[in-house]
Protein backbone atom coordinates (compact mmCIF):
# COMPACT_ATOMS: atom_id res chain seq x y z
CA UNK A 1 65.14 -81.18 4.58
CA UNK A 2 68.38 -82.84 3.42
CA UNK A 3 70.83 -84.53 5.76
CA UNK A 4 73.31 -81.64 5.89
CA UNK A 5 70.57 -79.07 6.51
CA UNK A 6 69.19 -81.23 9.32
CA UNK A 7 72.65 -81.56 10.82
CA UNK A 8 73.13 -77.80 10.69
CA UNK A 9 69.75 -77.23 12.32
CA UNK A 10 70.59 -79.55 15.22
CA UNK A 11 74.02 -77.99 15.72
CA UNK A 12 72.71 -74.43 15.56
CA UNK A 13 75.08 -73.55 12.74
CA UNK A 14 74.03 -71.46 9.76
CA UNK A 15 76.48 -72.85 7.21
CA UNK A 16 78.60 -75.86 6.33
CA UNK A 17 81.51 -73.40 6.57
CA UNK A 18 80.88 -72.62 10.23
CA UNK A 19 83.26 -75.01 12.04
CA UNK A 20 82.75 -76.98 15.21
CA UNK A 21 86.36 -76.46 16.27
CA UNK A 22 86.74 -74.57 19.51
CA UNK A 23 89.81 -72.44 20.04
CA UNK A 24 90.47 -71.70 16.37
CA UNK A 25 90.28 -68.26 14.76
CA UNK A 26 87.03 -67.78 12.84
CA UNK A 27 84.97 -64.63 12.09
CA UNK A 28 82.18 -63.96 14.55
CA UNK A 29 79.11 -61.87 13.82
CA UNK A 30 79.05 -58.73 15.98
CA UNK A 31 76.86 -57.95 18.96
CA UNK A 32 76.27 -54.45 20.33
CA UNK A 33 75.74 -52.90 23.75
CA UNK A 34 73.89 -49.89 22.31
CA UNK A 35 72.27 -48.57 19.13
CA UNK A 36 74.97 -45.91 18.96
CA UNK A 37 77.64 -48.62 18.87
CA UNK A 38 75.71 -50.46 16.18
CA UNK A 39 75.39 -47.24 14.14
CA UNK A 40 79.15 -46.66 14.26
CA UNK A 41 79.75 -50.26 13.18
CA UNK A 42 77.35 -49.98 10.24
CA UNK A 43 78.89 -46.69 9.10
CA UNK A 44 82.38 -48.20 9.18
CA UNK A 45 81.24 -51.24 7.19
CA UNK A 46 79.48 -49.00 4.67
CA UNK A 47 82.76 -47.18 4.15
CA UNK A 48 84.48 -50.55 3.83
CA UNK A 49 81.97 -51.58 1.17
CA UNK A 50 82.67 -48.39 -0.78
CA UNK A 51 86.42 -48.96 -0.54
CA UNK A 52 85.91 -52.57 -1.68
CA UNK A 53 84.05 -51.30 -4.74
CA UNK A 54 87.04 -49.09 -5.49
CA UNK A 55 89.42 -52.04 -5.11
CA UNK A 56 87.37 -54.05 -7.60
CA UNK A 57 87.16 -51.21 -10.12
CA UNK A 58 83.41 -50.77 -9.77
CA UNK A 59 83.51 -46.98 -9.99
CA UNK A 60 82.17 -44.89 -12.87
CA UNK A 61 82.35 -41.15 -12.30
CA UNK A 62 79.79 -40.17 -9.68
CA UNK A 63 77.50 -43.13 -10.49
CA UNK A 64 77.04 -45.79 -7.86
CA UNK A 65 75.44 -45.69 -4.46
CA UNK A 66 75.44 -47.91 -1.39
CA UNK A 67 73.00 -47.57 1.47
CA UNK A 68 72.46 -49.06 4.91
CA UNK A 69 69.43 -48.52 7.13
CA UNK A 70 70.07 -46.54 10.31
CA UNK A 71 69.55 -48.71 13.43
CA UNK A 72 68.40 -45.79 15.56
CA UNK A 73 65.85 -44.42 13.08
CA UNK A 74 65.02 -47.10 10.48
CA UNK A 75 63.27 -44.49 8.31
CA UNK A 76 66.70 -43.02 7.54
CA UNK A 77 69.65 -44.49 5.69
CA UNK A 78 73.36 -43.80 5.42
CA UNK A 79 74.86 -43.48 1.96
CA UNK A 80 78.04 -42.40 0.20
CA UNK A 81 78.39 -38.69 -0.63
CA UNK A 82 77.64 -37.41 -4.12
CA UNK A 83 80.63 -37.07 -6.49
CA UNK A 84 83.16 -38.49 -4.04
CA UNK A 85 85.19 -41.44 -5.34
CA UNK A 86 84.56 -44.75 -3.59
CA UNK A 87 88.23 -44.76 -2.57
CA UNK A 88 87.77 -41.44 -0.73
CA UNK A 89 84.62 -42.28 1.21
CA UNK A 90 85.21 -42.21 4.96
CA UNK A 91 83.08 -42.21 8.09
CA UNK A 92 83.21 -38.42 8.36
CA UNK A 93 81.79 -37.72 4.90
CA UNK A 94 78.90 -40.18 4.89
CA UNK A 95 75.44 -38.63 4.67
CA UNK A 96 72.21 -39.58 6.37
CA UNK A 97 69.01 -39.10 4.35
CA UNK A 98 65.30 -39.80 4.64
CA UNK A 99 62.97 -41.42 2.12
CA UNK A 100 62.19 -38.01 0.64
CA UNK A 101 65.83 -37.46 -0.27
CA UNK A 102 66.43 -34.82 2.37
CA UNK A 103 69.91 -34.90 3.89
CA UNK A 104 69.49 -34.79 7.66
CA UNK A 105 73.15 -35.20 8.54
CA UNK A 106 76.31 -34.56 6.53
CA UNK A 107 77.82 -31.89 4.32
CA UNK A 108 77.46 -33.43 0.87
CA UNK A 109 74.60 -33.61 -1.60
CA UNK A 110 72.75 -36.86 -2.29
CA UNK A 111 72.76 -38.72 -5.59
CA UNK A 112 69.22 -38.25 -6.95
CA UNK A 113 69.21 -41.55 -8.84
CA UNK A 114 70.46 -43.33 -5.75
CA UNK A 115 67.72 -41.78 -3.68
CA UNK A 116 64.92 -42.75 -6.07
CA UNK A 117 65.85 -46.41 -6.35
CA UNK A 118 67.19 -47.10 -2.89
CA UNK A 119 64.62 -45.08 -0.96
CA UNK A 120 61.77 -46.74 -2.84
CA UNK A 121 63.12 -50.22 -2.17
CA UNK A 122 63.97 -49.51 1.48
CA UNK A 123 60.53 -48.02 2.04
CA UNK A 124 58.68 -50.85 0.29
CA UNK A 125 60.72 -53.56 2.03
CA UNK A 126 61.37 -52.73 5.71
CA UNK A 127 63.31 -55.98 6.06
CA UNK A 128 66.00 -54.83 3.62
CA UNK A 129 68.95 -53.50 5.61
CA UNK A 130 71.35 -52.56 2.85
CA UNK A 131 71.57 -52.06 -0.91
CA UNK A 132 74.27 -51.63 -3.53
CA UNK A 133 74.24 -50.35 -7.10
CA UNK A 134 77.01 -49.30 -9.46
CA UNK A 135 77.48 -48.86 -13.19
CA UNK A 136 79.93 -51.65 -13.94
CA UNK A 137 81.39 -52.98 -17.18
CA UNK A 138 80.16 -56.56 -17.13
CA UNK A 139 76.96 -55.99 -15.17
CA UNK A 140 75.83 -53.22 -17.48
CA UNK A 141 76.75 -55.25 -20.57
CA UNK A 142 74.89 -58.28 -19.27
CA UNK A 143 71.87 -56.15 -18.33
CA UNK A 144 71.55 -55.11 -21.98
CA UNK A 145 70.58 -58.70 -22.78
CA UNK A 146 67.51 -58.53 -20.56
CA UNK A 147 67.89 -62.09 -19.32
CA UNK A 148 68.64 -63.94 -16.12
CA UNK A 149 71.92 -65.37 -14.92
CA UNK A 150 72.17 -69.09 -15.65
CA UNK A 151 73.61 -71.72 -13.27
CA UNK A 152 76.77 -72.24 -15.33
CA UNK A 153 79.10 -72.30 -12.32
CA UNK A 154 78.84 -73.00 -8.62
CA UNK A 155 79.33 -69.26 -8.01
CA UNK A 156 76.38 -68.45 -10.26
CA UNK A 157 74.26 -70.96 -8.35
CA UNK A 158 74.32 -68.56 -5.42
CA UNK A 159 71.86 -66.46 -7.45
CA UNK A 160 69.74 -69.34 -8.74
CA UNK A 161 66.06 -68.44 -8.24
CA UNK A 162 67.32 -65.59 -6.05
CA UNK A 163 67.45 -62.74 -8.54
CA UNK A 164 65.02 -61.01 -10.86
CA UNK A 165 65.26 -59.35 -14.26
CA UNK A 166 63.55 -55.94 -14.31
CA UNK A 167 62.40 -54.74 -17.71
CA UNK A 168 60.29 -51.71 -16.71
CA UNK A 169 61.81 -48.27 -17.36
CA UNK A 170 64.70 -49.98 -19.14
CA UNK A 171 67.42 -47.55 -20.22
CA UNK A 172 65.79 -44.55 -18.55
CA UNK A 173 67.82 -42.55 -16.06
CA UNK A 174 66.14 -43.38 -12.79
CA UNK A 175 65.23 -39.94 -11.50
CA UNK A 176 61.47 -40.36 -11.63
CA UNK A 177 59.79 -41.54 -8.43
CA UNK A 178 57.53 -43.92 -10.37
CA UNK A 179 60.61 -45.65 -11.78
CA UNK A 180 61.85 -46.29 -8.25
CA UNK A 181 58.52 -47.76 -7.22
CA UNK A 182 58.47 -50.12 -10.20
CA UNK A 183 61.91 -51.41 -9.33
CA UNK A 184 60.85 -51.78 -5.68
CA UNK A 185 57.77 -53.80 -6.67
CA UNK A 186 59.98 -56.29 -8.48
CA UNK A 187 62.49 -56.60 -5.64
CA UNK A 188 60.57 -59.10 -3.51
CA UNK A 189 62.20 -62.05 -1.81
CA UNK A 190 65.43 -61.87 -3.79
CA UNK A 191 68.91 -60.58 -3.09
CA UNK A 192 69.71 -59.26 -6.56
CA UNK A 193 68.20 -57.65 -9.63
CA UNK A 194 69.37 -57.16 -13.19
CA UNK A 195 67.81 -53.94 -14.49
CA UNK A 196 67.72 -54.07 -18.28
CA UNK A 197 69.93 -51.47 -19.99
CA UNK A 198 70.92 -50.16 -16.57
CA UNK A 199 72.86 -52.57 -14.42
CA UNK A 200 72.95 -54.58 -11.22
CA UNK A 201 71.42 -54.08 -7.80
CA UNK A 202 71.86 -56.20 -4.69
CA UNK A 203 70.10 -56.11 -1.34
CA UNK A 204 70.58 -57.75 2.01
CA UNK A 205 68.28 -58.39 4.92
CA UNK A 206 71.37 -59.11 7.00
CA UNK A 207 74.18 -56.60 6.49
CA UNK A 208 75.91 -54.12 4.20
CA UNK A 209 78.78 -56.61 3.98
CA UNK A 210 76.51 -59.25 2.44
CA UNK A 211 74.96 -56.76 0.01
CA UNK A 212 78.41 -55.57 -1.07
CA UNK A 213 79.90 -59.01 -1.53
CA UNK A 214 76.91 -60.28 -3.52
CA UNK A 215 77.26 -57.28 -5.82
CA UNK A 216 80.94 -58.07 -6.39
CA UNK A 217 80.01 -61.71 -6.95
CA UNK A 218 77.16 -60.89 -9.35
CA UNK A 219 79.43 -58.68 -11.44
CA UNK A 220 81.92 -61.55 -11.62
CA UNK A 221 79.22 -64.07 -12.56
CA UNK A 222 78.01 -61.78 -15.37
CA UNK A 223 81.57 -61.62 -16.65
CA UNK A 224 81.82 -65.41 -16.53
CA UNK A 225 78.58 -65.95 -18.43
CA UNK A 226 79.53 -63.42 -21.10
CA UNK A 227 82.88 -65.17 -21.54
CA UNK A 228 81.30 -68.62 -21.73
CA UNK A 229 78.68 -67.50 -24.24
CA UNK A 230 81.39 -65.82 -26.34
CA UNK A 231 82.91 -69.24 -27.05
CA UNK A 232 79.84 -70.10 -29.12
CA UNK A 233 79.56 -73.46 -27.39
CA UNK A 234 76.49 -74.64 -25.51
CA UNK A 235 77.40 -74.62 -21.79
CA UNK A 236 76.62 -77.49 -19.46
CA UNK A 237 74.34 -76.12 -16.76
CA UNK A 238 74.20 -77.24 -13.16
CA UNK A 239 71.05 -79.30 -12.70
CA UNK A 240 68.10 -77.70 -10.92
CA UNK A 241 68.37 -79.74 -7.72
CA UNK A 242 72.10 -79.19 -7.42
CA UNK A 243 71.75 -75.49 -8.21
CA UNK A 244 69.23 -75.13 -5.40
CA UNK A 245 71.46 -77.11 -3.04
CA UNK A 246 74.41 -74.87 -3.87
CA UNK A 247 72.32 -71.72 -3.41
CA UNK A 248 71.22 -72.94 0.01
CA UNK A 249 74.78 -73.48 1.17
CA UNK A 250 76.88 -70.92 -0.71
CA UNK A 251 74.32 -68.20 -1.38
CA UNK A 252 72.98 -67.30 2.05
CA UNK A 253 73.14 -63.92 3.76
CA UNK A 254 75.60 -65.37 6.26
CA UNK A 255 77.92 -66.63 3.53
CA UNK A 256 77.83 -63.21 1.87
CA UNK A 257 78.81 -61.63 5.18
CA UNK A 258 81.55 -64.24 5.69
CA UNK A 259 82.99 -63.71 2.20
CA UNK A 260 83.37 -60.00 2.96
CA UNK A 261 85.46 -60.53 6.09
CA UNK A 262 88.85 -61.04 4.37
CA UNK A 263 88.12 -57.97 2.24
CA UNK A 264 87.40 -56.00 5.41
CA UNK A 265 90.59 -57.19 7.12
CA UNK A 266 92.63 -56.20 4.08
CA UNK A 267 91.07 -52.74 4.09
CA UNK A 268 91.67 -52.21 7.81
CA UNK A 269 95.37 -52.93 7.35
CA UNK A 270 95.87 -50.99 4.12
CA UNK A 271 93.47 -48.04 4.49
CA UNK A 272 93.16 -46.88 8.12
CA UNK A 273 92.10 -43.41 6.92
CA UNK A 274 88.60 -44.75 6.23
CA UNK A 275 87.81 -44.46 9.96
CA UNK A 276 88.51 -40.71 10.02
């Protein structure tokens, strides 16, 4: 354990960004008095994640699905409604579905591809709370290369040894149950996956906010690597020990959650209709 990690352990902090300065404004992780209160919170943050995807231009027709496990019945998950733009998702039009793809609450249909991949991963990994997937420009382009993200920047180090490249069922529309199971098998102990000829997926064992931010970050890192490689020059990579150090301190679930907080505050001020 390095000196900073040991200091954090003794102080009870989870990050070098968590200050020891009483009386100053700093985001605090929520606590709940009931499961119903927690459910409402998760639904609101799921809507916020969808709106954040819209802000970042991560929409593509009806493709793209975000899910969060229901705290009252963990065998169910909340997801965005089929064929509704991310910018128009709100608490009232979310749908609740089971692992079989049956909608148990809500008026909209479910995205079949979203069900296959997300349900398989949620079912195979009970610790995963939330997942995100969208068909994005840079993520999809990078996925066509069938290779991992390299530690070219500090931002990319957040994914160092914490993502996987999935080659199985590459390029096939993921509507077959077996395809979902193959993706789920590969999604062990990591927060992100690059599915060849398909795109990006992120998962969080902490929150929908973390899953959403790491998706936004992964898309950005794919863009950065594509731009760097387009220069034709050999990039200077962050060394292995420093990449791991950076991942430990800027790539945690808590940091993902923390990064999402300014996005959330912006959405609350600009788009109050998302609570309706």
